[in-house]
Amino acid sequence: MNSTTTLTTDTDTQWAGSAFRSEAELAGFTLTAAGMGIIAALGMIVFYAIAR
């Protein structure tokens, strides 16, 4: 009984860790994409100001 409980707890912990890691990776990817978009927008604004 104790072994089964330990196994279940380990499985739940691993699943929670995996879900947390996926959310962290998704958040990091979103921040990176947003940062690239901001840099690209600033670059276009600067280029447009110089070209004009």
Protein backbone atom coordinates (compact mmCIF):
# COMPACT_ATOMS: atom_id res chain seq x y z
CA MET A 1 0.00 0.00 0.00
CA ASN A 2 2.82 2.36 0.88
CA SER A 3 4.66 1.54 -2.36
CA THR A 4 1.54 2.24 -4.43
CA THR A 5 1.03 5.59 -2.70
CA THR A 6 4.67 6.54 -3.28
CA LEU A 7 4.46 5.55 -6.95
CA THR A 8 1.30 7.62 -7.42
CA THR A 9 2.91 10.63 -5.72
CA ASP A 10 6.00 10.35 -7.89
CA THR A 11 3.87 10.17 -11.03
CA ASP A 12 1.85 13.23 -10.00
CA THR A 13 5.05 15.13 -9.20
CA GLN A 14 6.60 14.25 -12.57
CA TRP A 15 3.43 15.27 -14.40
CA ALA A 16 3.30 18.60 -12.55
CA GLY A 17 6.98 19.22 -13.28
CA SER A 18 6.47 18.44 -16.96
CA ALA A 19 3.45 20.74 -17.19
CA PHE A 20 5.32 23.55 -15.43
CA ARG A 21 8.31 23.15 -17.74
CA SER A 22 6.04 23.29 -20.81
CA GLU A 23 4.35 26.47 -19.54
CA ALA A 24 7.75 28.04 -18.83
CA GLU A 25 8.97 27.16 -22.34
CA LEU A 26 5.75 28.51 -23.88
CA ALA A 27 6.08 31.76 -21.91
CA GLY A 28 9.73 32.08 -22.94
CA PHE A 29 8.84 31.52 -26.60
CA THR A 30 6.04 34.11 -26.38
CA LEU A 31 8.35 36.69 -24.79
CA THR A 32 11.02 36.00 -27.42
CA ALA A 33 8.51 36.41 -30.27
CA ALA A 34 7.18 39.63 -28.73
CA GLY A 35 10.72 40.96 -28.30
CA MET A 36 11.58 40.18 -31.92
CA GLY A 37 8.36 41.89 -33.06
CA ILE A 38 9.17 45.02 -31.04
CA ILE A 39 12.73 45.13 -32.39
CA ALA A 40 11.47 44.68 -35.96
CA ALA A 41 8.87 47.45 -35.49
CA LEU A 42 11.49 49.84 -34.08
CA GLY A 43 13.83 48.97 -36.94
CA MET A 44 11.13 49.72 -39.52
CA ILE A 45 10.29 53.03 -37.81
CA VAL A 46 13.95 54.09 -37.78
CA PHE A 47 14.45 52.97 -41.40
CA TYR A 48 11.31 54.86 -42.49
CA ALA A 49 12.44 58.00 -40.66
CA ILE A 50 15.88 57.88 -42.32
CA ALA A 51 14.51 57.03 -45.78
CA ARG A 52 12.02 59.86 -45.63
